[in-house]
C-alpha atoms as a PDB file:
ATOM      1  CA  MET A   1      68.063  82.610  79.412  1.00  0.00           C
ATOM      2  CA  LEU A   2      71.039  84.871  80.029  1.00  0.00           C
ATOM      3  CA  ARG A   3      74.275  83.560  78.611  1.00  0.00           C
ATOM      4  CA  VAL A   4      76.446  82.006  81.265  1.00  0.00           C
ATOM      5  CA  LEU A   5      79.218  84.352  82.259  1.00  0.00           C
ATOM      6  CA  LEU A   6      82.795  83.156  82.387  1.00  0.00           C
ATOM      7  CA  LEU A   7      83.583  82.253  85.984  1.00  0.00           C
ATOM      8  CA  ALA A   8      87.149  82.679  87.194  1.00  0.00           C
ATOM      9  CA  LEU A   9      87.341  79.625  89.419  1.00  0.00           C
ATOM     10  CA  ALA A  10      90.463  78.794  91.391  1.00  0.00           C
ATOM     11  CA  ILE A  11      90.296  75.001  91.442  1.00  0.00           C
ATOM     12  CA  SER A  12      92.514  73.208  93.936  1.00  0.00           C
ATOM     13  CA  THR A  13      94.118  69.923  92.908  1.00  0.00           C
ATOM     14  CA  VAL A  14      92.577  67.036  94.835  1.00  0.00           C
ATOM     15  CA  ALA A  15      93.138  63.320  94.774  1.00  0.00           C
ATOM     16  CA  ALA A  16      90.560  61.431  92.741  1.00  0.00           C
ATOM     17  CA  PRO A  17      88.433  59.084  94.837  1.00  0.00           C
ATOM     18  CA  ALA A  18      87.642  55.516  93.872  1.00  0.00           C
ATOM     19  CA  SER A  19      85.414  55.173  90.828  1.00  0.00           C
ATOM     20  CA  GLN A  20      81.725  55.748  91.471  1.00  0.00           C
ATOM     21  CA  ALA A  21      79.729  52.498  91.507  1.00  0.00           C
ATOM     22  CA  ASP A  22      76.209  53.955  91.642  1.00  0.00           C
ATOM     23  CA  PRO A  23      74.670  57.339  90.805  1.00  0.00           C
ATOM     24  CA  PHE A  24      74.791  59.930  93.570  1.00  0.00           C
ATOM     25  CA  THR A  25      71.489  60.915  95.151  1.00  0.00           C
ATOM     26  CA  ILE A  26      71.000  64.671  95.390  1.00  0.00           C
ATOM     27  CA  TYR A  27      68.005  66.027  97.290  1.00  0.00           C
ATOM     28  CA  MET A  28      66.949  69.485  96.008  1.00  0.00           C
ATOM     29  CA  ILE A  29      64.650  71.919  97.832  1.00  0.00           C
ATOM     30  CA  VAL A  30      63.744  75.136  96.002  1.00  0.00           C
ATOM     31  CA  HIS A  31      61.773  78.051  97.342  1.00  0.00           C
ATOM     32  CA  ARG A  32      60.041  78.386  94.010  1.00  0.00           C
ATOM     33  CA  ALA A  33      60.698  76.553  90.771  1.00  0.00           C
ATOM     34  CA  GLY A  34      61.638  78.465  87.649  1.00  0.00           C
ATOM     35  CA  SER A  35      64.270  80.863  89.005  1.00  0.00           C
ATOM     36  CA  GLY A  36      66.902  79.321  86.727  1.00  0.00           C
ATOM     37  CA  ALA A  37      69.334  78.475  89.537  1.00  0.00           C
ATOM     38  CA  ASP A  38      67.988  74.943  89.939  1.00  0.00           C
ATOM     39  CA  ASP A  39      68.326  74.328  86.184  1.00  0.00           C
ATOM     40  CA  GLY A  40      71.875  75.663  86.214  1.00  0.00           C
ATOM     41  CA  PHE A  41      72.740  73.353  89.106  1.00  0.00           C
ATOM     42  CA  ARG A  42      71.477  70.204  87.391  1.00  0.00           C
ATOM     43  CA  ASP A  43      72.791  71.155  83.941  1.00  0.00           C
ATOM     44  CA  TYR A  44      76.315  71.764  85.225  1.00  0.00           C
ATOM     45  CA  LEU A  45      76.530  68.389  86.952  1.00  0.00           C
ATOM     46  CA  THR A  46      75.114  66.559  83.929  1.00  0.00           C
ATOM     47  CA  ALA A  47      77.443  68.363  81.521  1.00  0.00           C
ATOM     48  CA  ASN A  48      80.449  67.503  83.677  1.00  0.00           C
ATOM     49  CA  GLY A  49      79.661  63.796  83.864  1.00  0.00           C
ATOM     50  CA  VAL A  50      78.472  63.640  87.472  1.00  0.00           C
ATOM     51  CA  ASP A  51      76.037  60.712  87.475  1.00  0.00           C
ATOM     52  CA  ALA A  52      73.227  61.641  89.848  1.00  0.00           C
ATOM     53  CA  ASN A  53      69.577  61.013  90.592  1.00  0.00           C
ATOM     54  CA  PHE A  54      67.735  64.150  91.711  1.00  0.00           C
ATOM     55  CA  VAL A  55      64.935  64.184  94.275  1.00  0.00           C
ATOM     56  CA  PHE A  56      63.244  67.528  93.578  1.00  0.00           C
ATOM     57  CA  ARG A  57      61.005  69.332  96.066  1.00  0.00           C
ATOM     58  CA  ASP A  58      59.357  72.704  95.341  1.00  0.00           C
ATOM     59  CA  MET A  59      58.077  74.233  98.579  1.00  0.00           C
ATOM     60  CA  GLU A  60      55.984  76.726  96.551  1.00  0.00           C
ATOM     61  CA  ASN A  61      56.579  79.485  99.138  1.00  0.00           C
ATOM     62  CA  ASP A  62      54.954  77.328 101.829  1.00  0.00           C
ATOM     63  CA  ARG A  63      57.408  77.177 104.744  1.00  0.00           C
ATOM     64  CA  SER A  64      55.213  74.713 106.622  1.00  0.00           C
ATOM     65  CA  ARG A  65      56.519  71.996 104.276  1.00  0.00           C
ATOM     66  CA  LEU A  66      60.144  72.394 105.336  1.00  0.00           C
ATOM     67  CA  PRO A  67      60.125  70.227 108.506  1.00  0.00           C
ATOM     68  CA  GLY A  68      58.672  67.374 106.437  1.00  0.00           C
ATOM     69  CA  TYR A  69      61.466  67.728 103.892  1.00  0.00           C
ATOM     70  CA  VAL A  70      64.054  67.573 106.674  1.00  0.00           C
ATOM     71  CA  GLU A  71      62.510  64.341 107.932  1.00  0.00           C
ATOM     72  CA  GLU A  72      62.534  62.937 104.393  1.00  0.00           C
ATOM     73  CA  ILE A  73      66.222  63.803 104.017  1.00  0.00           C
ATOM     74  CA  LYS A  74      67.039  62.028 107.290  1.00  0.00           C
ATOM     75  CA  ALA A  75      65.185  58.915 106.105  1.00  0.00           C
ATOM     76  CA  LEU A  76      66.581  58.951 102.542  1.00  0.00           C
ATOM     77  CA  LYS A  77      70.191  59.839 103.486  1.00  0.00           C
ATOM     78  CA  PRO A  78      71.164  61.363 100.112  1.00  0.00           C
ATOM     79  CA  ASP A  79      74.771  62.066  99.198  1.00  0.00           C
ATOM     80  CA  LEU A  80      74.159  65.809  99.060  1.00  0.00           C
ATOM     81  CA  VAL A  81      71.389  68.346  99.672  1.00  0.00           C
ATOM     82  CA  TYR A  82      70.878  71.435  97.505  1.00  0.00           C
ATOM     83  CA  THR A  83      68.935  74.328  99.061  1.00  0.00           C
ATOM     84  CA  GLN A  84      67.691  77.467  97.377  1.00  0.00           C
ATOM     85  CA  THR A  85      67.286  80.717  99.398  1.00  0.00           C
ATOM     86  CA  THR A  86      68.053  81.684 102.973  1.00  0.00           C
ATOM     87  CA  SER A  87      64.840  80.448 104.584  1.00  0.00           C
ATOM     88  CA  VAL A  88      65.149  76.988 103.020  1.00  0.00           C
ATOM     89  CA  THR A  89      68.817  76.688 103.995  1.00  0.00           C
ATOM     90  CA  ARG A  90      68.113  77.869 107.534  1.00  0.00           C
ATOM     91  CA  ALA A  91      65.337  75.279 107.925  1.00  0.00           C
ATOM     92  CA  VAL A  92      67.659  72.494 106.762  1.00  0.00           C
ATOM     93  CA  VAL A  93      70.870  73.264 108.693  1.00  0.00           C
ATOM     94  CA  GLY A  94      69.731  75.718 111.390  1.00  0.00           C
ATOM     95  CA  ARG A  95      71.439  78.875 112.591  1.00  0.00           C
ATOM     96  CA  LEU A  96      74.842  78.439 114.177  1.00  0.00           C
ATOM     97  CA  GLU A  97      73.596  78.833 117.733  1.00  0.00           C
ATOM     98  CA  GLU A  98      70.534  76.625 117.315  1.00  0.00           C
ATOM     99  CA  ALA A  99      71.688  73.771 115.066  1.00  0.00           C
ATOM    100  CA  ASP A 100      70.154  70.605 116.488  1.00  0.00           C
ATOM    101  CA  PRO A 101      70.801  67.116 115.058  1.00  0.00           C
ATOM    102  CA  GLN A 102      67.212  66.202 115.936  1.00  0.00           C
ATOM    103  CA  LYS A 103      65.746  69.101 113.916  1.00  0.00           C
ATOM    104  CA  HIS A 104      68.370  69.795 111.280  1.00  0.00           C
ATOM    105  CA  VAL A 105      70.620  68.053 108.765  1.00  0.00           C
ATOM    106  CA  LEU A 106      74.138  68.258 110.164  1.00  0.00           C
ATOM    107  CA  ASP A 107      75.769  65.069 108.847  1.00  0.00           C
ATOM    108  CA  ILE A 108      75.130  65.384 105.070  1.00  0.00           C
ATOM    109  CA  PRO A 109      76.824  67.967 102.804  1.00  0.00           C
ATOM    110  CA  VAL A 110      74.543  70.904 101.964  1.00  0.00           C
ATOM    111  CA  VAL A 111      75.182  73.305  99.069  1.00  0.00           C
ATOM    112  CA  PHE A 112      73.054  76.438  98.768  1.00  0.00           C
ATOM    113  CA  SER A 113      72.345  79.052  96.134  1.00  0.00           C
ATOM    114  CA  MET A 114      70.527  82.398  96.343  1.00  0.00           C
ATOM    115  CA  VAL A 115      71.517  83.113  99.958  1.00  0.00           C
ATOM    116  CA  SER A 116      72.345  86.799 100.098  1.00  0.00           C
ATOM    117  CA  PHE A 117      74.127  87.126 103.441  1.00  0.00           C
ATOM    118  CA  PRO A 118      75.148  83.754 104.962  1.00  0.00           C
ATOM    119  CA  ALA A 119      77.052  85.292 107.894  1.00  0.00           C
ATOM    120  CA  ARG A 120      74.436  87.934 108.651  1.00  0.00           C
ATOM    121  CA  SER A 121      71.796  85.189 108.563  1.00  0.00           C
ATOM    122  CA  LYS A 122      73.938  83.269 111.102  1.00  0.00           C
ATOM    123  CA  LEU A 123      74.339  80.247 108.866  1.00  0.00           C
ATOM    124  CA  VAL A 124      78.118  80.605 108.979  1.00  0.00           C
ATOM    125  CA  PRO A 125      80.593  82.553 111.123  1.00  0.00           C
ATOM    126  CA  GLN A 126      81.578  86.057 110.110  1.00  0.00           C
ATOM    127  CA  PRO A 127      85.134  85.978 108.679  1.00  0.00           C
ATOM    128  CA  PRO A 128      87.591  87.680 111.071  1.00  0.00           C
ATOM    129  CA  ASP A 129      88.987  89.701 108.169  1.00  0.00           C
ATOM    130  CA  PRO A 130      86.792  91.094 105.337  1.00  0.00           C
ATOM    131  CA  ALA A 131      89.425  89.889 102.870  1.00  0.00           C
ATOM    132  CA  ALA A 132      89.440  86.348 104.268  1.00  0.00           C
ATOM    133  CA  PRO A 133      87.434  83.606 102.549  1.00  0.00           C
ATOM    134  CA  MET A 134      84.043  82.822 104.067  1.00  0.00           C
ATOM    135  CA  LEU A 135      84.167  79.252 105.391  1.00  0.00           C
ATOM    136  CA  SER A 136      81.327  77.581 107.273  1.00  0.00           C
ATOM    137  CA  LYS A 137      83.474  75.110 109.256  1.00  0.00           C
ATOM    138  CA  ARG A 138      80.372  72.918 109.192  1.00  0.00           C
ATOM    139  CA  ASN A 139      78.522  70.822 106.597  1.00  0.00           C
ATOM    140  CA  ILE A 140      77.554  73.662 104.229  1.00  0.00           C
ATOM    141  CA  THR A 141      78.927  75.802 101.428  1.00  0.00           C
ATOM    142  CA  GLY A 142      77.366  77.595  98.495  1.00  0.00           C
ATOM    143  CA  ALA A 143      77.129  80.391  95.967  1.00  0.00           C
ATOM    144  CA  ARG A 144      75.769  83.850  96.695  1.00  0.00           C
ATOM    145  CA  HIS A 145      73.949  86.067  94.202  1.00  0.00           C
ATOM    146  CA  VAL A 146      74.369  89.525  95.692  1.00  0.00           C
ATOM    147  CA  VAL A 147      75.669  92.767  94.246  1.00  0.00           C
ATOM    148  CA  SER A 148      76.819  95.348  96.796  1.00  0.00           C
ATOM    149  CA  ASN A 149      74.554  98.297  97.573  1.00  0.00           C
ATOM    150  CA  LEU A 150      77.236 100.745  96.428  1.00  0.00           C
ATOM    151  CA  VAL A 151      77.611  99.024  93.065  1.00  0.00           C
ATOM    152  CA  ARG A 152      73.815  99.004  92.640  1.00  0.00           C
ATOM    153  CA  LEU A 153      73.515 102.692  93.508  1.00  0.00           C
ATOM    154  CA  ASN A 154      76.245 103.588  91.017  1.00  0.00           C
ATOM    155  CA  ALA A 155      74.488 101.499  88.358  1.00  0.00           C
ATOM    156  CA  MET A 156      71.207 103.347  88.983  1.00  0.00           C
ATOM    157  CA  ARG A 157      72.936 106.707  88.639  1.00  0.00           C
ATOM    158  CA  THR A 158      74.574 105.523  85.436  1.00  0.00           C
ATOM    159  CA  TYR A 159      71.168 104.695  83.957  1.00  0.00           C
ATOM    160  CA  MET A 160      69.514 108.015  84.859  1.00  0.00           C
ATOM    161  CA  PRO A 161      70.025 110.981  87.193  1.00  0.00           C
ATOM    162  CA  PHE A 162      67.594 111.263  90.118  1.00  0.00           C
ATOM    163  CA  GLU A 163      67.096 113.324  93.257  1.00  0.00           C
ATOM    164  CA  LYS A 164      64.793 111.037  95.252  1.00  0.00           C
ATOM    165  CA  LEU A 165      65.243 107.268  95.458  1.00  0.00           C
ATOM    166  CA  GLY A 166      62.432 105.051  96.674  1.00  0.00           C
ATOM    167  CA  MET A 167      62.796 101.530  98.050  1.00  0.00           C
ATOM    168  CA  LEU A 168      60.122  98.864  98.339  1.00  0.00           C
ATOM    169  CA  TYR A 169      61.125  96.344 100.997  1.00  0.00           C
ATOM    170  CA  ASP A 170      59.698  93.519 103.077  1.00  0.00           C
ATOM    171  CA  LYS A 171      59.621  94.724 106.683  1.00  0.00           C
ATOM    172  CA  SER A 172      58.649  91.249 107.934  1.00  0.00           C
ATOM    173  CA  SER A 173      62.179  90.074 107.098  1.00  0.00           C
ATOM    174  CA  GLY A 174      65.058  90.980 109.405  1.00  0.00           C
ATOM    175  CA  ALA A 175      67.494  90.800 106.496  1.00  0.00           C
ATOM    176  CA  GLN A 176      65.332  93.197 104.486  1.00  0.00           C
ATOM    177  CA  ARG A 177      65.172  95.647 107.394  1.00  0.00           C
ATOM    178  CA  ARG A 178      68.962  95.620 107.634  1.00  0.00           C
ATOM    179  CA  THR A 179      69.226  96.120 103.877  1.00  0.00           C
ATOM    180  CA  GLU A 180      66.883  99.117 104.078  1.00  0.00           C
ATOM    181  CA  THR A 181      69.006 100.679 106.832  1.00  0.00           C
ATOM    182  CA  ALA A 182      72.227 100.131 104.894  1.00  0.00           C
ATOM    183  CA  MET A 183      70.773 101.527 101.676  1.00  0.00           C
ATOM    184  CA  ARG A 184      69.327 104.568 103.465  1.00  0.00           C
ATOM    185  CA  THR A 185      72.726 105.428 104.936  1.00  0.00           C
ATOM    186  CA  LEU A 186      74.484 104.995 101.609  1.00  0.00           C
ATOM    187  CA  VAL A 187      71.959 107.029  99.621  1.00  0.00           C
ATOM    188  CA  GLU A 188      71.714 109.882 102.105  1.00  0.00           C
ATOM    189  CA  ASP A 189      75.512 110.065 102.370  1.00  0.00           C
ATOM    190  CA  ALA A 190      75.487 110.560  98.592  1.00  0.00           C
ATOM    191  CA  GLY A 191      73.217 113.607  99.033  1.00  0.00           C
ATOM    192  CA  ILE A 192      70.137 111.886  97.601  1.00  0.00           C
ATOM    193  CA  GLU A 193      66.737 111.913  99.309  1.00  0.00           C
ATOM    194  CA  PHE A 194      65.580 108.447 100.344  1.00  0.00           C
ATOM    195  CA  VAL A 195      62.013 107.186 100.852  1.00  0.00           C
ATOM    196  CA  SER A 196      61.163 103.590 101.785  1.00  0.00           C
ATOM    197  CA  ASP A 197      57.893 101.770 102.329  1.00  0.00           C
ATOM    198  CA  SER A 198      56.767  98.215 102.966  1.00  0.00           C
ATOM    199  CA  PRO A 199      53.566  96.248 102.325  1.00  0.00           C
ATOM    200  CA  THR A 200      54.380  93.993 105.291  1.00  0.00           C
ATOM    201  CA  GLU A 201      54.929  94.177 109.047  1.00  0.00           C
ATOM    202  CA  PRO A 202      56.888  91.904 111.399  1.00  0.00           C
ATOM    203  CA  LYS A 203      54.918  88.976 112.849  1.00  0.00           C
ATOM    204  CA  VAL A 204      51.937  89.683 110.576  1.00  0.00           C
ATOM    205  CA  GLU A 205      50.962  87.412 107.695  1.00  0.00           C
ATOM    206  CA  ARG A 206      52.134  88.937 104.424  1.00  0.00           C
ATOM    207  CA  ASP A 207      49.332  90.031 102.123  1.00  0.00           C
ATOM    208  CA  PRO A 208      50.110  90.643  98.428  1.00  0.00           C
ATOM    209  CA  ALA A 209      47.019  92.872  98.246  1.00  0.00           C
ATOM    210  CA  GLN A 210      49.069  95.481 100.139  1.00  0.00           C
ATOM    211  CA  ILE A 211      51.728  95.734  97.446  1.00  0.00           C
ATOM    212  CA  GLU A 212      49.879  98.079  95.093  1.00  0.00           C
ATOM    213  CA  PRO A 213      48.780 100.548  97.834  1.00  0.00           C
ATOM    214  CA  THR A 214      52.390 100.684  99.034  1.00  0.00           C
ATOM    215  CA  LEU A 215      53.608 101.466  95.529  1.00  0.00           C
ATOM    216  CA  ARG A 216      50.995 104.200  95.282  1.00  0.00           C
ATOM    217  CA  ARG A 217      52.345 105.790  98.447  1.00  0.00           C
ATOM    218  CA  LEU A 218      55.849 105.760  96.994  1.00  0.00           C
ATOM    219  CA  LYS A 219      54.540 107.343  93.801  1.00  0.00           C
ATOM    220  CA  GLN A 220      52.759 110.030  95.811  1.00  0.00           C
ATOM    221  CA  ALA A 221      55.994 110.663  97.711  1.00  0.00           C
ATOM    222  CA  GLY A 222      57.503 111.737  94.401  1.00  0.00           C
ATOM    223  CA  VAL A 223      60.294 109.186  94.027  1.00  0.00           C
ATOM    224  CA  ASP A 224      62.190 109.431  90.737  1.00  0.00           C
ATOM    225  CA  PHE A 225      63.515 105.877  90.740  1.00  0.00           C
ATOM    226  CA  LEU A 226      62.356 102.803  92.702  1.00  0.00           C
ATOM    227  CA  TYR A 227      64.703 100.104  93.992  1.00  0.00           C
ATOM    228  CA  ILE A 228      63.210  96.634  94.597  1.00  0.00           C
ATOM    229  CA  PRO A 229      65.774  94.418  96.370  1.00  0.00           C
ATOM    230  CA  PRO A 230      65.989  90.619  96.227  1.00  0.00           C
ATOM    231  CA  SER A 231      63.104  89.258  98.312  1.00  0.00           C
ATOM    232  CA  ASN A 232      61.329  85.915  98.461  1.00  0.00           C
ATOM    233  CA  PHE A 233      58.020  87.738  98.932  1.00  0.00           C
ATOM    234  CA  PHE A 234      58.464  90.006  95.920  1.00  0.00           C
ATOM    235  CA  GLY A 235      59.886  87.129  93.903  1.00  0.00           C
ATOM    236  CA  ALA A 236      56.746  85.103  94.577  1.00  0.00           C
ATOM    237  CA  HIS A 237      54.643  88.020  93.296  1.00  0.00           C
ATOM    238  CA  ALA A 238      57.042  89.288  90.639  1.00  0.00           C
ATOM    239  CA  GLU A 239      54.422  89.941  87.975  1.00  0.00           C
ATOM    240  CA  LEU A 240      52.149  91.835  90.379  1.00  0.00           C
ATOM    241  CA  VAL A 241      54.927  93.983  91.868  1.00  0.00           C
ATOM    242  CA  THR A 242      56.575  94.986  88.615  1.00  0.00           C
ATOM    243  CA  ARG A 243      53.381  95.450  86.606  1.00  0.00           C
ATOM    244  CA  ALA A 244      51.841  97.709  89.282  1.00  0.00           C
ATOM    245  CA  ALA A 245      55.005  99.818  89.503  1.00  0.00           C
ATOM    246  CA  THR A 246      55.142 100.220  85.723  1.00  0.00           C
ATOM    247  CA  GLU A 247      51.455 101.127  85.495  1.00  0.00           C
ATOM    248  CA  LEU A 248      52.071 103.827  88.114  1.00  0.00           C
ATOM    249  CA  GLY A 249      54.871 105.231  85.930  1.00  0.00           C
ATOM    250  CA  LEU A 250      57.665 104.273  88.339  1.00  0.00           C
ATOM    251  CA  PRO A 251      61.046 103.470  86.755  1.00  0.00           C
ATOM    252  CA  THR A 252      62.310 100.409  88.624  1.00  0.00           C
ATOM    253  CA  PHE A 253      65.741  98.995  89.373  1.00  0.00           C
ATOM    254  CA  CYS A 254      65.575  95.406  90.611  1.00  0.00           C
ATOM    255  CA  GLY A 255      68.082  93.282  92.454  1.00  0.00           C
ATOM    256  CA  VAL A 256      67.175  89.927  90.947  1.00  0.00           C
ATOM    257  CA  GLU A 257      66.730  88.623  87.419  1.00  0.00           C
ATOM    258  CA  THR A 258      63.252  87.168  88.110  1.00  0.00           C
ATOM    259  CA  LEU A 259      61.748  90.651  88.479  1.00  0.00           C
ATOM    260  CA  ILE A 260      63.397  92.062  85.358  1.00  0.00           C
ATOM    261  CA  ARG A 261      61.917  89.199  83.331  1.00  0.00           C
ATOM    262  CA  GLN A 262      58.512  90.522  84.320  1.00  0.00           C
ATOM    263  CA  HIS A 263      58.086  94.308  84.071  1.00  0.00           C
ATOM    264  CA  CYS A 264      61.005  95.760  86.055  1.00  0.00           C
ATOM    265  CA  MET A 265      62.859  98.281  83.900  1.00  0.00           C
ATOM    266  CA  THR A 266      66.470  97.452  84.706  1.00  0.00           C
ATOM    267  CA  GLY A 267      68.884  95.953  87.204  1.00  0.00           C
ATOM    268  CA  LEU A 268      72.404  94.760  87.857  1.00  0.00           C
ATOM    269  CA  VAL A 269      72.209  91.052  88.618  1.00  0.00           C
ATOM    270  CA  SER A 270      74.050  87.801  88.976  1.00  0.00           C
ATOM    271  CA  PRO A 271      72.344  85.549  86.399  1.00  0.00           C
ATOM    272  CA  LEU A 272      70.626  82.909  88.491  1.00  0.00           C
ATOM    273  CA  TYR A 273      71.423  80.138  86.016  1.00  0.00           C
ATOM    274  CA  ALA A 274      75.113  80.934  86.502  1.00  0.00           C
ATOM    275  CA  VAL A 275      74.673  81.073  90.287  1.00  0.00           C
ATOM    276  CA  GLY A 276      73.210  77.557  90.131  1.00  0.00           C
ATOM    277  CA  GLN A 277      76.171  76.429  88.050  1.00  0.00           C
ATOM    278  CA  PHE A 278      78.601  77.915  90.558  1.00  0.00           C
ATOM    279  CA  ALA A 279      76.816  76.045  93.366  1.00  0.00           C
ATOM    280  CA  ALA A 280      77.058  72.843  91.309  1.00  0.00           C
ATOM    281  CA  PHE A 281      80.805  73.379  90.891  1.00  0.00           C
ATOM    282  CA  LYS A 282      81.060  73.309  94.685  1.00  0.00           C
ATOM    283  CA  ALA A 283      78.846  70.210  94.846  1.00  0.00           C
ATOM    284  CA  GLU A 284      81.139  68.539  92.326  1.00  0.00           C
ATOM    285  CA  GLN A 285      84.147  69.257  94.559  1.00  0.00           C
ATOM    286  CA  ILE A 286      82.358  67.454  97.387  1.00  0.00           C
ATOM    287  CA  LEU A 287      80.937  64.504  95.446  1.00  0.00           C
ATOM    288  CA  THR A 288      83.806  63.624  93.142  1.00  0.00           C
ATOM    289  CA  GLY A 289      86.673  65.526  94.745  1.00  0.00           C
ATOM    290  CA  GLY A 290      86.117  64.392  98.318  1.00  0.00           C
ATOM    291  CA  LYS A 291      86.399  67.915  99.728  1.00  0.00           C
ATOM    292  CA  ASP A 292      84.938  68.984 103.071  1.00  0.00           C
ATOM    293  CA  PRO A 293      82.078  71.499 102.487  1.00  0.00           C
ATOM    294  CA  GLY A 294      83.164  73.438 105.561  1.00  0.00           C
ATOM    295  CA  GLU A 295      86.498  74.168 103.858  1.00  0.00           C
ATOM    296  CA  ILE A 296      85.080  75.213 100.461  1.00  0.00           C
ATOM    297  CA  PRO A 297      84.764  79.030 100.280  1.00  0.00           C
ATOM    298  CA  ILE A 298      81.302  80.578 100.026  1.00  0.00           C
ATOM    299  CA  GLU A 299      81.554  83.024  97.134  1.00  0.00           C
ATOM    300  CA  THR A 300      79.609  85.255  94.811  1.00  0.00           C
ATOM    301  CA  LEU A 301      80.131  85.672  91.076  1.00  0.00           C
ATOM    302  CA  SER A 302      82.824  88.188  90.233  1.00  0.00           C
ATOM    303  CA  ARG A 303      80.967  89.636  87.232  1.00  0.00           C
ATOM    304  CA  PHE A 304      77.403  90.829  86.840  1.00  0.00           C
ATOM    305  CA  SER A 305      74.968  91.620  84.035  1.00  0.00           C
ATOM    306  CA  PHE A 306      73.364  95.021  83.463  1.00  0.00           C
ATOM    307  CA  VAL A 307      69.959  93.983  82.162  1.00  0.00           C
ATOM    308  CA  VAL A 308      67.340  96.259  80.583  1.00  0.00           C
ATOM    309  CA  ASN A 309      63.732  95.332  79.862  1.00  0.00           C
ATOM    310  CA  MET A 310      63.204  97.425  76.750  1.00  0.00           C
ATOM    311  CA  GLU A 311      59.423  96.924  76.736  1.00  0.00           C
ATOM    312  CA  THR A 312      59.204  98.594  80.132  1.00  0.00           C
ATOM    313  CA  ALA A 313      61.724 101.297  79.206  1.00  0.00           C
ATOM    314  CA  HIS A 314      59.615 102.082  76.132  1.00  0.00           C
ATOM    315  CA  LYS A 315      56.378 102.245  78.139  1.00  0.00           C
ATOM    316  CA  LEU A 316      57.953 104.621  80.644  1.00  0.00           C
ATOM    317  CA  LYS A 317      59.907 106.507  77.962  1.00  0.00           C
ATOM    318  CA  VAL A 318      63.017 106.193  80.125  1.00  0.00           C
ATOM    319  CA  TYR A 319      65.672 104.866  77.775  1.00  0.00           C
ATOM    320  CA  PRO A 320      69.190 103.739  78.708  1.00  0.00           C
ATOM    321  CA  PRO A 321      72.018 106.148  77.876  1.00  0.00           C
ATOM    322  CA  MET A 322      74.442 105.380  75.086  1.00  0.00           C
ATOM    323  CA  GLU A 323      77.215 104.238  77.436  1.00  0.00           C
ATOM    324  CA  ILE A 324      74.987 101.428  78.740  1.00  0.00           C
ATOM    325  CA  LEU A 325      74.047 100.317  75.237  1.00  0.00           C
ATOM    326  CA  ARG A 326      77.615  99.114  74.717  1.00  0.00           C
ATOM    327  CA  PHE A 327      77.427  96.388  77.356  1.00  0.00           C
ATOM    328  CA  ALA A 328      73.839  95.939  78.583  1.00  0.00           C
ATOM    329  CA  GLN A 329      71.734  92.861  77.856  1.00  0.00           C
ATOM    330  CA  PHE A 330      68.240  93.556  76.550  1.00  0.00           C
ATOM    331  CA  ILE A 331      65.255  91.335  77.214  1.00  0.00           C
ATOM    332  CA  LYS A 332      61.506  91.298  76.750  1.00  0.00           C
ATOM    333  CA  THR A 333      58.879  90.697  79.409  1.00  0.00           C
ATOM    334  CA  GLY A 334      58.420  86.980  80.012  1.00  0.00           C
ATOM    335  CA  ALA A 335      61.325  85.983  77.746  1.00  0.00           C
ATOM    336  CA  ASP A 336      63.327  82.882  78.707  1.00  0.00           C
ATOM    337  CA  SER A 337      66.430  83.733  76.740  1.00  0.00           C
END
């Protein structure tokens, strides 16, 4: 796995609570196992002496299981709940305007990872000042894994020059539609042609069989570089998405580590193992430090990894420039470390 990056954490001094008599119970719900964030979460707590029993639930991309997990949490009453991804977190705590103690978990601390835009997803209030810390003022906090669109675009242009950028996105997701709009504006303002396409439609069941035809349309549109943003749908079909793009001869820049570990050519990412560790640091503040989750800032990592899948770069004959070689991390398809 990627080496854990040094996290610059501003740790407030808190009074130590009474010694722990029994292990904590932590209930974990992941969208899909194997992302690395869940391992980072558990490993951090174990390494830092937090005695805990973990109840692990993998929803396996099946959202119909989420109400049952919420009921199980209410019956079990764990000390803390860990959620992975926006849809899981939303099912557990609800949006701000719809949070209901009958349907959601509002009286147990919840720590999330892999939520790209907590305020935009209406899990937490939008900070009044962009420079102000993001605080939920409710029973949740967490660690984000996003890199800004501008930073991603600059990273793509550092890897290779291009005149037409393509974007594969999931139109069934409101967050993905907003991301597409933001990226289009940014790219076109930079004087670069932008083409986007989606294998999905709102309120229609998502069909992975539509991924390859969509990629073919992007290829036919003549895109020079293809951006694949973080998406639960694409993450669930990472091998299919990235293999099809590579076979079509499309250089790809991906927004999440899971895709690069398949066949995506490159990307600028927050290592998910480190994101899980950062979330665990916040859980530790709650469990052993007695802090209120609503007062613990929701943050993203301050440093990112430029990752290159050299097998894919070799197949496409699109090699990283010398300036990237000085700091990039190189991996092979399917490698765990």
